[in-house]
C-alpha atoms as a PDB file:
ATOM      1  CA  MET A   1       5.754  41.899  -6.052  1.00  0.00           C
ATOM      2  CA  LEU A   2       7.287  42.063  -9.495  1.00  0.00           C
ATOM      3  CA  GLY A   3      10.062  40.216  -8.298  1.00  0.00           C
ATOM      4  CA  ASN A   4       8.420  37.131  -7.258  1.00  0.00           C
ATOM      5  CA  LEU A   5       6.079  36.789 -10.326  1.00  0.00           C
ATOM      6  CA  ILE A   6       9.282  37.137 -12.340  1.00  0.00           C
ATOM      7  CA  GLY A   7      10.937  34.345 -10.139  1.00  0.00           C
ATOM      8  CA  GLY A   8       8.031  32.256 -10.883  1.00  0.00           C
ATOM      9  CA  PHE A   9       8.411  32.160 -14.331  1.00  0.00           C
ATOM     10  CA  ILE A  10      12.160  32.108 -14.019  1.00  0.00           C
ATOM     11  CA  VAL A  11      11.292  28.441 -12.166  1.00  0.00           C
ATOM     12  CA  ILE A  12       9.098  27.408 -14.673  1.00  0.00           C
ATOM     13  CA  LEU A  13      11.693  28.374 -17.421  1.00  0.00           C
ATOM     14  CA  VAL A  14      14.563  26.464 -15.808  1.00  0.00           C
ATOM     15  CA  GLY A  15      12.216  23.610 -14.766  1.00  0.00           C
ATOM     16  CA  VAL A  16      11.227  23.295 -18.173  1.00  0.00           C
ATOM     17  CA  THR A  17      14.372  23.472 -19.805  1.00  0.00           C
ATOM     18  CA  LEU A  18      15.662  20.538 -17.237  1.00  0.00           C
ATOM     19  CA  ALA A  19      12.830  18.182 -17.788  1.00  0.00           C
ATOM     20  CA  PRO A  20      14.296  16.484 -20.725  1.00  0.00           C
ATOM     21  CA  THR A  21      17.659  15.860 -18.821  1.00  0.00           C
ATOM     22  CA  VAL A  22      15.463  14.085 -15.852  1.00  0.00           C
ATOM     23  CA  ALA A  23      13.549  12.006 -18.100  1.00  0.00           C
ATOM     24  CA  ASN A  24      16.545  10.830 -19.564  1.00  0.00           C
ATOM     25  CA  GLU A  25      18.453  10.133 -16.451  1.00  0.00           C
ATOM     26  CA  VAL A  26      15.136   8.448 -14.918  1.00  0.00           C
ATOM     27  CA  GLN A  27      14.917   5.794 -18.339  1.00  0.00           C
ATOM     28  CA  GLY A  28      18.921   5.340 -17.840  1.00  0.00           C
ATOM     29  CA  ALA A  29      18.372   4.365 -14.437  1.00  0.00           C
ATOM     30  CA  ARG A  30      15.470   2.025 -15.112  1.00  0.00           C
ATOM     31  CA  GLY A  31      18.096   0.023 -17.206  1.00  0.00           C
ATOM     32  CA  ASN A  32      17.188   0.254 -20.965  1.00  0.00           C
ATOM     33  CA  SER A  33      15.769   2.513 -23.607  1.00  0.00           C
ATOM     34  CA  THR A  34      12.293   0.548 -24.642  1.00  0.00           C
ATOM     35  CA  HIS A  35      10.484   1.419 -21.555  1.00  0.00           C
ATOM     36  CA  VAL A  36      10.245  -2.323 -20.247  1.00  0.00           C
ATOM     37  CA  ASP A  37      11.847  -2.758 -17.043  1.00  0.00           C
ATOM     38  CA  THR A  38      14.827  -5.479 -17.244  1.00  0.00           C
ATOM     39  CA  GLY A  39      17.274  -3.760 -14.952  1.00  0.00           C
ATOM     40  CA  ASN A  40      17.907  -4.595 -11.509  1.00  0.00           C
ATOM     41  CA  ILE A  41      15.168  -2.226 -10.269  1.00  0.00           C
ATOM     42  CA  THR A  42      11.586  -3.923 -10.228  1.00  0.00           C
ATOM     43  CA  GLY A  43       8.249  -3.784  -8.218  1.00  0.00           C
ATOM     44  CA  ALA A  44       7.697  -0.936  -5.908  1.00  0.00           C
ATOM     45  CA  SER A  45      10.978   1.051  -6.653  1.00  0.00           C
ATOM     46  CA  GLY A  46      10.658   0.717 -10.239  1.00  0.00           C
ATOM     47  CA  THR A  47       6.983   2.167 -10.013  1.00  0.00           C
ATOM     48  CA  ILE A  48       8.436   4.916  -7.935  1.00  0.00           C
ATOM     49  CA  LEU A  49      11.278   5.857 -10.243  1.00  0.00           C
ATOM     50  CA  GLY A  50       8.986   5.565 -13.220  1.00  0.00           C
ATOM     51  CA  LEU A  51       6.926   8.371 -11.420  1.00  0.00           C
ATOM     52  CA  THR A  52       9.688  10.666 -11.040  1.00  0.00           C
ATOM     53  CA  ASN A  53       8.924  12.667 -13.673  1.00  0.00           C
ATOM     54  CA  LEU A  54       5.486  13.462 -12.699  1.00  0.00           C
ATOM     55  CA  PHE A  55       6.861  14.364  -9.361  1.00  0.00           C
ATOM     56  CA  TYR A  56       9.407  16.882 -10.797  1.00  0.00           C
ATOM     57  CA  ALA A  57       6.997  18.464 -12.882  1.00  0.00           C
ATOM     58  CA  LEU A  58       4.479  18.757 -10.012  1.00  0.00           C
ATOM     59  CA  ALA A  59       7.172  19.955  -7.912  1.00  0.00           C
ATOM     60  CA  VAL A  60       8.200  22.655 -10.387  1.00  0.00           C
ATOM     61  CA  ALA A  61       4.558  23.963 -11.041  1.00  0.00           C
ATOM     62  CA  ALA A  62       4.024  23.944  -7.200  1.00  0.00           C
ATOM     63  CA  VAL A  63       7.132  26.295  -6.522  1.00  0.00           C
ATOM     64  CA  ALA A  64       6.289  28.699  -9.358  1.00  0.00           C
ATOM     65  CA  MET A  65       2.530  29.058  -8.236  1.00  0.00           C
ATOM     66  CA  GLY A  66       3.650  29.679  -4.885  1.00  0.00           C
ATOM     67  CA  MET A  67       6.126  32.340  -5.622  1.00  0.00           C
ATOM     68  CA  SER A  68       3.660  34.126  -7.956  1.00  0.00           C
ATOM     69  CA  VAL A  69       0.811  34.032  -5.007  1.00  0.00           C
ATOM     70  CA  ALA A  70       3.145  35.151  -2.554  1.00  0.00           C
ATOM     71  CA  GLY A  71       4.031  38.128  -4.887  1.00  0.00           C
ATOM     72  CA  LEU A  72       0.300  38.615  -5.382  1.00  0.00           C
ATOM     73  CA  ARG A  73      -0.458  38.994  -1.959  1.00  0.00           C
ATOM     74  CA  GLN A  74       2.496  41.518  -1.350  1.00  0.00           C
ATOM     75  CA  GLY A  75       0.681  43.539  -4.207  1.00  0.00           C
ATOM     76  CA  GLY A  76      -2.699  42.927  -2.575  1.00  0.00           C
ATOM     77  CA  LEU A  77      -4.381  41.225  -5.502  1.00  0.00           C
ATOM     78  CA  MET A  78      -4.870  38.034  -3.616  1.00  0.00           C
END
């Protein structure tokens, strides 16, 4: 139980630490530094690439919550 809760917090810590790196790489892939798409990625591809930060944050949160809920279920608290 405690291992899953600590694991969930570690996932959050690592995910939040890597979030700026992910954001910088997404911005670099978009082609410039002014949030205006002037690179080769346009249309639907640019939109999905712009949402990558959101998908990353949601994935980190979902994994952390899943691990925490699994720990609480093992402990009989949920």
